[in-house]
């Protein structure tokens, strides 16, 4: 299966792209904010709720997440901008598109990330 994030290397199998952060030796160890954002998008597509919660900063993490509604189809991810603020803080602007019940929608967000204890976490985002 091709990775849903369609990384710059494009057409990589999920196991060689975002899947390596979802499980295995690099579990939860995305090397930067962009890789974490891409792996979170792939986790949304694959309904990996455990990964999404584990990569959400504890100070902002919801108690639970609902699975994708039946019929939801993810259409793609567009990375707009990745800004490194310092060694432990970054932002990623992206657009994620999906379709549900014949209606296409998009999520345009500027997400904030922080690195603590060698791990990157999603802090939250502002819809655009």
Protein backbone atom coordinates (compact mmCIF):
# COMPACT_ATOMS: atom_id res chain seq x y z
CA UNK A 1 0.00 0.00 0.00
CA UNK A 2 1.35 3.44 -0.97
CA UNK A 3 1.65 5.79 2.01
CA UNK A 4 -1.34 8.15 2.27
CA UNK A 5 0.91 11.16 2.97
CA UNK A 6 2.48 10.99 -0.51
CA UNK A 7 5.81 12.15 0.86
CA UNK A 8 8.38 13.93 -1.33
CA UNK A 9 9.78 10.48 -2.09
CA UNK A 10 6.24 9.75 -3.41
CA UNK A 11 5.04 6.25 -3.96
CA UNK A 12 6.81 4.77 -0.93
CA UNK A 13 5.03 1.89 0.75
CA UNK A 14 3.51 2.92 4.07
CA UNK A 15 5.91 0.67 6.01
CA UNK A 16 8.90 2.59 4.59
CA UNK A 17 7.29 6.00 5.11
CA UNK A 18 4.86 6.93 7.90
CA UNK A 19 4.28 3.33 8.98
CA UNK A 20 7.75 3.16 10.49
CA UNK A 21 6.64 5.75 13.07
CA UNK A 22 3.29 4.03 13.68
CA UNK A 23 5.00 0.79 14.79
CA UNK A 24 8.36 -0.95 14.94
CA UNK A 25 11.78 0.32 15.89
CA UNK A 26 10.98 3.98 15.15
CA UNK A 27 7.58 3.92 16.85
CA UNK A 28 6.67 7.48 17.93
CA UNK A 29 10.09 8.78 16.82
CA UNK A 30 9.34 11.01 13.83
CA UNK A 31 12.53 13.04 13.30
CA UNK A 32 10.81 16.41 12.93
CA UNK A 33 7.54 18.31 12.85
CA UNK A 34 6.94 17.72 9.14
CA UNK A 35 7.43 13.96 9.45
CA UNK A 36 5.16 13.89 12.51
CA UNK A 37 2.46 15.87 10.69
CA UNK A 38 2.63 13.52 7.69
CA UNK A 39 2.51 10.46 9.95
CA UNK A 40 -0.49 11.90 11.81
CA UNK A 41 -2.30 12.47 8.50
CA UNK A 42 -1.61 8.85 7.54
CA UNK A 43 -2.85 7.78 10.98
CA UNK A 44 -6.10 9.71 10.42
CA UNK A 45 -6.54 7.97 7.05
CA UNK A 46 -5.90 4.56 8.63
CA UNK A 47 -7.90 5.25 11.83
CA UNK A 48 -4.84 4.72 14.04
CA UNK A 49 -6.39 6.51 17.00
CA UNK A 50 -3.78 5.16 19.43
CA UNK A 51 -0.99 6.81 17.42
CA UNK A 52 -2.86 10.10 17.16
CA UNK A 53 -3.37 10.24 20.91
CA UNK A 54 0.23 9.20 21.66
CA UNK A 55 1.61 11.99 19.44
CA UNK A 56 -0.68 14.68 20.87
CA UNK A 57 1.02 16.71 23.59
CA UNK A 58 -0.33 15.61 27.01
CA UNK A 59 -1.29 19.21 27.89
CA UNK A 60 -3.65 19.38 24.90
CA UNK A 61 -4.57 15.73 24.31
CA UNK A 62 -8.28 14.88 24.23
CA UNK A 63 -9.46 11.97 26.35
CA UNK A 64 -10.51 10.05 23.24
CA UNK A 65 -11.00 10.34 19.49
CA UNK A 66 -13.84 9.05 17.38
CA UNK A 67 -13.06 6.83 14.41
CA UNK A 68 -13.67 8.07 10.89
CA UNK A 69 -17.36 8.08 9.99
CA UNK A 70 -18.49 5.38 7.59
CA UNK A 71 -17.99 6.44 4.00
CA UNK A 72 -15.29 9.04 4.68
CA UNK A 73 -12.68 9.07 1.91
CA UNK A 74 -9.44 10.95 2.37
CA UNK A 75 -8.39 12.60 -0.90
CA UNK A 76 -4.93 13.95 -0.19
CA UNK A 77 -2.49 16.07 1.74
CA UNK A 78 -0.80 19.24 0.54
CA UNK A 79 2.06 20.60 2.60
CA UNK A 80 2.15 24.38 2.28
CA UNK A 81 4.91 25.42 4.66
CA UNK A 82 7.21 24.01 7.35
CA UNK A 83 8.82 26.58 9.65
CA UNK A 84 11.47 25.68 12.21
CA UNK A 85 11.23 28.18 15.06
CA UNK A 86 14.08 26.68 17.10
CA UNK A 87 15.45 23.22 17.85
CA UNK A 88 12.32 22.26 19.78
CA UNK A 89 9.48 24.21 18.13
CA UNK A 90 8.07 24.25 14.62
CA UNK A 91 4.92 24.91 12.63
CA UNK A 92 3.49 23.12 9.62
CA UNK A 93 0.81 24.57 7.37
CA UNK A 94 -1.15 21.99 5.40
CA UNK A 95 -4.38 21.31 3.56
CA UNK A 96 -6.02 17.89 3.96
CA UNK A 97 -8.96 17.05 1.71
CA UNK A 98 -11.69 14.48 2.25
CA UNK A 99 -15.11 13.55 0.96
CA UNK A 100 -18.13 12.38 2.92
CA UNK A 101 -21.59 11.74 1.56
CA UNK A 102 -20.70 13.18 -1.84
CA UNK A 103 -19.49 16.44 -0.31
CA UNK A 104 -15.81 17.40 -0.55
CA UNK A 105 -14.26 19.34 2.31
CA UNK A 106 -10.82 20.58 3.23
CA UNK A 107 -9.00 21.26 6.45
CA UNK A 108 -6.47 24.07 6.15
CA UNK A 109 -4.47 24.37 9.36
CA UNK A 110 -1.33 25.93 10.78
CA UNK A 111 -0.22 23.30 13.30
CA UNK A 112 2.18 23.83 16.21
CA UNK A 113 4.68 21.19 17.30
CA UNK A 114 7.09 20.86 20.22
CA UNK A 115 9.91 18.43 20.94
CA UNK A 116 10.25 17.13 24.48
CA UNK A 117 12.47 14.31 25.69
CA UNK A 118 13.60 13.71 22.10
CA UNK A 119 10.04 13.21 20.81
CA UNK A 120 7.94 15.54 18.69
CA UNK A 121 4.34 16.23 19.74
CA UNK A 122 1.38 17.98 18.12
CA UNK A 123 0.30 20.93 20.29
CA UNK A 124 -2.70 22.14 18.30
CA UNK A 125 -3.53 24.21 15.30
CA UNK A 126 -5.37 27.19 13.93
CA UNK A 127 -7.81 26.66 11.09
CA UNK A 128 -7.26 28.92 8.11
